[in-house]
Protein backbone atom coordinates (compact mmCIF):
# COMPACT_ATOMS: atom_id res chain seq x y z
CA MET A 1 -18.08 12.76 -4.30
CA THR A 2 -17.61 16.20 -2.75
CA ALA A 3 -15.46 18.46 -4.91
CA VAL A 4 -12.54 20.34 -3.39
CA SER A 5 -12.22 23.97 -4.40
CA ARG A 6 -9.92 24.75 -7.29
CA GLU A 7 -7.82 26.98 -5.07
CA VAL A 8 -7.18 24.32 -2.44
CA ALA A 9 -6.71 21.57 -5.02
CA GLY A 10 -4.22 23.75 -6.87
CA THR A 11 -2.13 24.68 -3.83
CA PRO A 12 1.08 22.61 -3.87
CA ALA A 13 2.38 20.90 -0.77
CA SER A 14 5.50 22.38 0.79
CA GLY A 15 8.72 20.92 -0.57
CA ILE A 16 10.31 21.67 2.80
CA ARG A 17 7.68 19.64 4.63
CA ALA A 18 8.03 16.78 2.15
CA LEU A 19 11.73 16.54 2.97
CA ALA A 20 11.03 16.92 6.70
CA ASN A 21 8.51 14.07 6.61
CA ALA A 22 11.15 11.86 5.02
CA ALA A 23 13.69 12.94 7.64
CA TRP A 24 11.31 12.19 10.51
CA ALA A 25 10.98 8.66 9.08
CA THR A 26 14.80 8.25 8.94
CA PRO A 27 16.27 7.00 12.23
CA GLY A 28 19.23 9.06 13.38
CA ALA A 29 18.78 11.78 10.75
CA VAL A 30 20.61 15.07 11.28
CA HIS A 31 17.78 17.59 11.16
CA LEU A 32 18.90 20.79 9.45
CA GLU A 33 15.85 21.25 7.23
CA LEU A 34 13.44 23.30 9.34
CA GLY A 35 13.59 26.81 10.78
CA GLU A 36 12.93 25.57 14.30
CA PRO A 37 14.91 27.21 17.14
CA ASP A 38 16.67 24.59 19.25
CA PHE A 39 16.27 26.70 22.39
CA ASP A 40 13.51 26.32 24.97
CA THR A 41 10.90 29.04 25.34
CA PRO A 42 12.17 31.34 28.15
CA ALA A 43 10.94 30.23 31.57
CA HIS A 44 9.28 33.55 32.45
CA VAL A 45 7.20 33.32 29.27
CA VAL A 46 6.04 29.79 30.10
CA GLU A 47 5.17 30.84 33.63
CA ALA A 48 3.13 33.81 32.35
CA LEU A 49 0.92 31.48 30.31
CA ALA A 50 0.48 29.07 33.22
CA ARG A 51 -0.38 31.92 35.57
CA ALA A 52 -2.89 33.37 33.09
CA ALA A 53 -4.61 30.00 32.78
CA ARG A 54 -4.68 29.48 36.55
CA ASP A 55 -6.09 32.97 37.04
CA GLY A 56 -8.94 32.29 34.62
CA HIS A 57 -7.75 34.33 31.63
CA THR A 58 -9.11 31.71 29.25
CA ARG A 59 -12.07 33.44 27.64
CA TYR A 60 -12.54 35.24 24.35
CA GLY A 61 -10.60 38.43 23.82
CA PRO A 62 -10.92 41.26 21.30
CA SER A 63 -10.33 40.16 17.71
CA VAL A 64 -7.54 42.71 17.33
CA GLY A 65 -5.75 41.47 20.44
CA LEU A 66 -5.77 42.13 24.18
CA PRO A 67 -5.15 45.79 25.05
CA GLY A 68 -2.13 44.75 27.10
CA MET A 69 -0.67 42.79 24.18
CA ARG A 70 -1.17 45.64 21.71
CA THR A 71 0.45 48.06 24.18
CA ALA A 72 3.38 45.68 24.62
CA VAL A 73 3.79 45.53 20.84
CA VAL A 74 3.76 49.34 20.58
CA GLU A 75 6.45 49.57 23.26
CA LYS A 76 8.55 46.86 21.61
CA LEU A 77 8.32 48.49 18.17
CA LEU A 78 9.60 51.79 19.58
CA ARG A 79 12.32 50.14 21.69
CA ASP A 80 13.66 47.63 19.18
CA ASN A 81 12.60 48.93 15.75
CA GLY A 82 12.49 52.69 16.17
CA LEU A 83 8.89 52.68 14.95
CA SER A 84 6.27 54.85 16.64
CA THR A 85 2.74 53.62 15.94
CA PRO A 86 -0.64 53.82 17.67
CA ALA A 87 -2.04 50.63 19.18
CA GLU A 88 -5.02 50.96 16.83
CA HIS A 89 -2.72 50.09 13.92
CA VAL A 90 -1.68 46.76 15.51
CA VAL A 91 -3.57 43.49 15.05
CA VAL A 92 -2.46 40.40 16.98
CA THR A 93 -2.37 37.29 14.77
CA ALA A 94 -1.90 33.53 14.98
CA GLY A 95 1.81 33.58 14.22
CA GLY A 96 3.53 35.31 11.35
CA VAL A 97 1.71 33.19 8.79
CA GLY A 98 -1.60 34.35 10.27
CA GLY A 99 -0.49 37.94 9.76
CA LEU A 100 0.65 37.27 6.20
CA THR A 101 -2.59 35.50 5.33
CA ALA A 102 -4.60 38.40 6.72
CA ALA A 103 -2.52 40.89 4.75
CA TYR A 104 -2.98 38.93 1.53
CA ARG A 105 -6.72 38.69 2.18
CA VAL A 106 -6.94 42.45 2.72
CA LEU A 107 -5.09 43.34 -0.48
CA LEU A 108 -5.85 40.57 -2.98
CA SER A 109 -9.02 39.45 -4.72
CA ALA A 110 -9.25 36.38 -6.94
CA GLY A 111 -7.32 37.06 -10.13
CA ASP A 112 -5.05 39.69 -8.59
CA GLU A 113 -1.25 39.45 -8.49
CA ILE A 114 1.41 39.92 -5.84
CA LEU A 115 5.16 40.14 -6.46
CA VAL A 116 7.31 37.93 -4.22
CA PRO A 117 11.09 37.44 -3.94
CA ASP A 118 12.71 34.53 -5.75
CA PRO A 119 14.12 32.82 -3.77
CA GLY A 120 11.63 33.28 -0.95
CA TRP A 121 9.70 31.32 1.64
CA THR A 122 7.29 28.89 -0.02
CA ASN A 123 4.19 30.25 1.74
CA PHE A 124 4.61 33.61 0.03
CA THR A 125 3.34 31.82 -3.06
CA THR A 126 0.97 29.24 -1.60
CA ILE A 127 -1.07 31.79 0.37
CA ALA A 128 -1.77 33.63 -2.89
CA ILE A 129 -2.77 30.43 -4.68
CA MET A 130 -5.13 29.51 -1.84
CA LEU A 131 -6.91 32.85 -2.35
CA GLY A 132 -7.18 32.45 -6.12
CA ALA A 133 -4.48 35.06 -6.71
CA THR A 134 -1.13 34.74 -8.48
CA ALA A 135 2.34 35.21 -7.00
CA LEU A 136 5.03 36.31 -9.47
CA GLY A 137 8.66 35.85 -8.45
CA TYR A 138 11.02 38.76 -8.90
CA ARG A 139 14.77 38.36 -9.35
CA LEU A 140 17.32 39.51 -6.79
CA VAL A 141 20.81 40.83 -7.57
CA GLU A 142 23.14 38.74 -5.43
CA ALA A 143 26.15 40.97 -6.11
CA ASP A 144 24.28 43.98 -4.67
CA ASN A 145 23.10 42.56 -1.34
CA PHE A 146 20.21 40.82 -3.11
CA ARG A 147 18.45 44.09 -4.00
CA PRO A 148 15.55 43.65 -6.44
CA ASP A 149 16.23 43.59 -10.16
CA TYR A 150 14.08 46.63 -10.93
CA GLU A 151 13.99 46.05 -14.67
CA HIS A 152 12.54 42.62 -13.97
CA LEU A 153 10.12 44.09 -11.43
CA ASP A 154 8.93 46.67 -13.96
CA SER A 155 8.24 43.90 -16.46
CA LEU A 156 6.07 42.03 -13.97
CA VAL A 157 3.71 44.86 -13.04
CA GLY A 158 0.34 44.59 -14.74
CA PRO A 159 -3.21 45.92 -14.30
CA ARG A 160 -3.99 43.28 -11.64
CA THR A 161 -0.81 43.75 -9.59
CA ARG A 162 -1.78 44.95 -6.12
CA ALA A 163 1.17 44.39 -3.79
CA ILE A 164 4.82 43.46 -3.43
CA LEU A 165 6.19 41.34 -0.61
CA ILE A 166 9.64 41.88 0.85
CA ASN A 167 11.47 39.86 3.51
CA SER A 168 14.42 41.22 5.48
CA PRO A 169 16.19 39.53 7.25
CA ALA A 170 15.40 36.92 4.65
CA ASN A 171 14.51 33.26 4.56
CA PRO A 172 16.19 31.29 2.95
CA VAL A 173 19.21 33.44 1.98
CA GLY A 174 19.83 35.50 5.11
CA TYR A 175 20.34 38.84 3.33
CA GLN A 176 19.38 41.98 5.23
CA TRP A 177 18.46 45.07 3.24
CA THR A 178 19.83 48.46 4.21
CA ALA A 179 17.57 51.39 5.00
CA ALA A 180 18.52 52.90 1.63
CA GLN A 181 17.51 49.74 -0.22
CA GLN A 182 14.18 49.65 1.57
CA ALA A 183 13.54 53.33 0.86
CA GLU A 184 14.33 52.69 -2.82
CA LEU A 185 11.80 49.84 -2.86
CA GLY A 186 9.23 52.08 -1.20
CA GLU A 187 9.66 54.75 -3.86
CA TRP A 188 9.30 52.13 -6.59
CA ALA A 189 6.12 50.75 -4.98
CA ASN A 190 4.66 54.27 -4.76
CA ARG A 191 5.31 54.90 -8.45
CA HIS A 192 3.36 51.77 -9.32
CA GLY A 193 0.58 52.28 -6.78
CA LEU A 194 1.41 49.10 -4.86
CA THR A 195 1.12 48.27 -1.17
CA VAL A 196 4.11 46.62 0.49
CA ILE A 197 3.83 43.56 2.72
CA SER A 198 7.03 43.35 4.76
CA ASP A 199 7.73 40.00 6.44
CA GLU A 200 9.98 40.81 9.39
CA CYS A 201 9.58 37.70 11.51
CA TYR A 202 13.39 37.57 11.92
CA ASP A 203 13.66 41.23 12.90
CA GLN A 204 15.51 40.49 16.16
CA LEU A 205 17.76 37.80 14.69
CA TRP A 206 20.18 40.17 12.98
CA LEU A 207 23.74 38.90 13.15
CA ASP A 208 25.96 41.90 12.33
CA ALA A 209 23.91 45.09 12.74
CA PRO A 210 20.31 45.74 13.81
CA ALA A 211 17.78 45.24 11.03
CA THR A 212 15.89 48.21 9.61
CA THR A 213 12.11 48.08 9.68
CA PHE A 214 10.50 48.94 6.35
CA ALA A 215 7.96 51.31 7.90
CA VAL A 216 10.83 53.36 9.33
CA ALA A 217 12.81 53.42 6.08
CA ALA A 218 9.78 54.18 3.88
CA PRO A 219 7.18 55.95 6.04
CA ASP A 220 5.31 57.35 3.02
CA THR A 221 4.59 53.94 1.48
CA PRO A 222 1.37 52.06 2.34
CA ALA A 223 2.50 48.91 4.12
CA ILE A 224 1.53 46.01 6.31
CA THR A 225 4.49 44.71 8.31
CA VAL A 226 4.25 41.25 9.85
CA PHE A 227 6.21 40.23 12.94
CA SER A 228 6.35 37.01 14.93
CA LEU A 229 7.44 35.85 18.37
CA SER A 230 8.22 32.38 16.97
CA LYS A 231 11.89 32.87 16.16
CA SER A 232 13.07 35.60 18.52
CA TYR A 233 11.58 33.97 21.62
CA ALA A 234 11.69 30.31 20.53
CA MET A 235 7.86 30.21 20.48
CA THR A 236 7.16 28.46 17.17
CA GLY A 237 4.42 26.23 18.57
CA TRP A 238 2.70 29.05 20.45
CA ARG A 239 1.46 30.68 17.20
CA LEU A 240 1.71 34.33 18.13
CA GLY A 241 2.52 37.28 15.89
CA TYR A 242 1.19 40.69 14.91
CA ALA A 243 0.62 42.84 11.86
CA VAL A 244 1.18 46.60 11.79
CA ALA A 245 -0.32 49.01 9.24
CA SER A 246 1.72 52.08 8.28
CA GLY A 247 1.95 54.84 5.70
CA PRO A 248 -0.96 56.50 3.88
CA ALA A 249 -4.35 54.92 4.61
CA SER A 250 -2.84 52.96 7.52
CA GLY A 251 -6.04 53.35 9.52
CA GLY A 252 -8.08 51.75 6.75
CA LEU A 253 -5.59 48.91 6.38
CA ALA A 254 -5.70 48.26 10.13
CA GLN A 255 -9.50 48.17 10.11
CA ALA A 256 -9.45 45.73 7.20
CA LEU A 257 -6.98 43.48 9.01
CA ALA A 258 -9.30 43.52 12.02
CA ARG A 259 -12.25 42.41 9.88
CA VAL A 260 -10.25 39.52 8.45
CA GLN A 261 -9.12 38.49 11.93
CA GLU A 262 -12.69 38.59 13.26
CA ALA A 263 -13.98 36.42 10.42
CA THR A 264 -11.18 33.85 10.39
CA ALA A 265 -9.84 33.49 13.93
CA SER A 266 -12.24 35.33 16.30
CA CYS A 267 -9.20 36.03 18.46
CA VAL A 268 -5.78 34.65 19.27
CA SER A 269 -5.50 32.38 22.34
CA THR A 270 -5.87 34.59 25.43
CA PRO A 271 -3.35 32.76 27.67
CA THR A 272 -0.85 32.83 24.80
CA GLN A 273 -1.21 36.60 24.54
CA HIS A 274 -0.40 36.90 28.24
CA ALA A 275 2.76 34.93 27.50
CA GLY A 276 3.46 37.31 24.63
CA ILE A 277 3.16 40.30 26.96
CA ALA A 278 5.76 38.69 29.24
CA ALA A 279 8.04 38.00 26.28
CA LEU A 280 7.91 41.53 24.89
CA THR A 281 8.06 43.42 28.20
CA GLY A 282 10.21 41.07 30.28
CA PRO A 283 13.97 40.49 30.29
CA GLN A 284 15.42 40.56 26.77
CA GLU A 285 18.69 38.78 27.57
CA CYS A 286 17.16 35.58 26.19
CA VAL A 287 16.92 37.19 22.75
CA SER A 288 20.49 38.46 22.74
CA ALA A 289 21.76 35.09 24.00
CA MET A 290 20.07 33.25 21.13
CA ARG A 291 21.28 35.84 18.64
CA ASP A 292 24.86 35.47 19.92
CA ALA A 293 24.63 31.69 19.58
CA TYR A 294 23.37 31.93 16.00
CA ARG A 295 26.18 34.37 15.19
CA ARG A 296 28.81 31.96 16.52
CA ARG A 297 27.26 29.11 14.56
CA ARG A 298 27.12 31.29 11.44
CA ASP A 299 30.80 32.11 11.68
CA LEU A 300 31.80 28.48 12.28
CA ALA A 301 29.58 27.24 9.47
CA VAL A 302 30.84 29.77 6.93
CA ASP A 303 34.46 28.91 7.76
CA ARG A 304 33.75 25.17 7.65
CA ALA A 305 31.92 25.46 4.32
CA ALA A 306 34.90 27.30 2.82
CA ALA A 307 37.29 24.64 4.11
CA LEU A 308 35.14 22.00 2.40
CA ASN A 309 35.06 24.00 -0.86
CA LEU A 310 31.35 24.62 -0.50
CA THR A 311 29.97 27.93 -1.77
CA ALA A 312 27.71 29.62 0.76
CA VAL A 313 26.13 33.03 1.23
CA ARG A 314 27.24 34.60 4.52
CA PRO A 315 23.94 35.46 6.22
CA ALA A 316 23.55 38.88 7.82
CA GLY A 317 20.35 37.83 9.59
CA ALA A 318 18.00 34.92 10.33
CA PHE A 319 19.62 31.51 10.88
CA TYR A 320 20.16 29.82 7.53
CA LEU A 321 23.09 28.97 5.28
CA TRP A 322 22.26 29.15 1.56
CA LEU A 323 24.53 26.64 -0.17
CA THR A 324 25.30 26.13 -3.84
CA ALA A 325 25.15 22.62 -5.35
CA PRO A 326 26.43 23.32 -8.89
CA SER A 327 26.35 19.71 -10.06
CA VAL A 328 22.73 19.20 -9.00
CA GLU A 329 19.88 19.68 -11.47
CA ASP A 330 16.98 18.73 -9.18
CA THR A 331 17.52 19.73 -5.55
CA ALA A 332 14.25 18.12 -4.45
CA THR A 333 15.58 14.71 -5.54
CA ALA A 334 19.12 15.53 -4.42
CA ALA A 335 17.94 16.42 -0.91
CA LEU A 336 16.20 13.04 -0.62
CA ASP A 337 19.31 11.27 -1.97
CA LEU A 338 21.47 13.18 0.50
CA LEU A 339 19.19 12.10 3.34
CA ARG A 340 19.20 8.47 2.20
CA ASP A 341 22.96 8.27 1.67
CA THR A 342 24.31 10.39 4.54
CA GLY A 343 21.43 10.86 6.99
CA VAL A 344 21.66 14.65 6.55
CA ALA A 345 18.40 16.55 6.05
CA LEU A 346 18.68 19.88 4.20
CA ALA A 347 15.83 21.84 2.63
CA PRO A 348 15.79 21.71 -1.18
CA GLY A 349 16.39 25.12 -2.73
CA ILE A 350 13.77 24.61 -5.42
CA ALA A 351 11.13 24.77 -2.67
CA PHE A 352 11.94 28.49 -2.43
CA GLY A 353 11.52 29.28 -6.12
CA ALA A 354 13.23 28.81 -9.46
CA ALA A 355 16.34 30.69 -8.29
CA GLY A 356 16.95 27.89 -5.80
CA ARG A 357 17.12 25.10 -8.36
CA ASP A 358 20.82 24.46 -7.60
CA ARG A 359 20.78 25.46 -3.92
CA LEU A 360 20.18 23.82 -0.55
CA ARG A 361 19.26 25.51 2.74
CA LEU A 362 20.91 24.49 6.00
CA SER A 363 19.36 25.62 9.27
CA LEU A 364 21.76 27.00 11.85
CA ALA A 365 19.16 26.39 14.56
CA ALA A 366 20.98 23.20 15.55
CA ALA A 367 23.96 22.06 17.58
CA PRO A 368 27.34 23.03 16.08
CA GLY A 369 28.27 19.36 15.84
CA ASP A 370 25.20 18.63 13.76
CA ILE A 371 25.93 21.61 11.50
CA ASP A 372 29.45 20.27 10.94
CA ARG A 373 28.09 16.81 10.18
CA GLY A 374 25.66 18.34 7.72
CA LEU A 375 28.30 20.31 5.85
CA THR A 376 30.70 17.37 5.79
CA GLY A 377 27.98 15.04 4.52
CA LEU A 378 27.00 17.49 1.79
CA ALA A 379 30.62 17.93 0.66
CA GLN A 380 31.08 14.17 0.43
CA PHE A 381 27.79 13.79 -1.42
CA LEU A 382 28.67 16.45 -4.00
CA ALA A 383 32.18 15.04 -4.49
CA ARG A 384 30.93 11.62 -5.54
CA PRO A 385 31.58 10.74 -9.17
CA ALA A 386 28.55 10.95 -11.43
CA PRO A 387 26.87 7.56 -11.99
């Protein structure tokens, strides 16, 4: 029998996907478990891909991305993020997860460590495991806009620690760090000789004030920032993102990202990159319209949760509601029970780390009526007498 590598065998399946699989098998389920925009990809983006395919733009492209796509990214970063960067520091990737995987591969060898937020997206940990590295969760201070607990961070740094990952706006909580908080993190990373990986795939889905890009707040910190078109342009299935190197040694980081991309993907789909150019350079009203819709849903959901005596974190960005389930000891089991008893599918908080053991994540990327049904079902579920 062929043996599977230790790294692959030791990589746990996603707890979010496990719940989603159960929900897909439940007729009539209210799907609030995945971060999947419920909007269609903008028509001009779809047409750009179709036109590129008809015009024969279907061959290999440069591993780092089409020149037009990299230029579009540079223009977008300056326009929307206030970040000025040369195109040579941009590498186009297969979605945000492709950019994160490339960044991990550049910075981590087997046996190395990376610090990740707890709670945080499950792949922050599983990518490390797949590479034979270790992800260590660092605590966040909820009362201080979820800033890192620096005493805990200090205790985690060891001789094999190479990087720290940050995520703002954040999945699953929805916090959004200020420029001062990001600058503070950059100074801490510099003191410990660490490179920062900043996951900013929700950078355009801020709900109160524009999000600050880490490379702008901490320009003197070595960093790889990962962006995605999946959420902002409702392009989850298109698999298009980009990674940007910044700070000291940014040229070397960019070259390393390019080598990883060449060895693992050859290049991102050429027609898809033409669609990406249209998304980044075309009308941006589609982005603001989706953002406005998520803001309205956020406000309705927060008010409805309060009316139902549910404790929720008011998200400043992304499109999730982080809910407390104080009577629940195992949210993985509770989420399945909730689905079975009420037909409501929420992501179990434990899938995002130990800090989520008594939490559930509700996606606001759904119709307001479904969000209301989800919150009502959860309140009824939690109010049931213990067996």
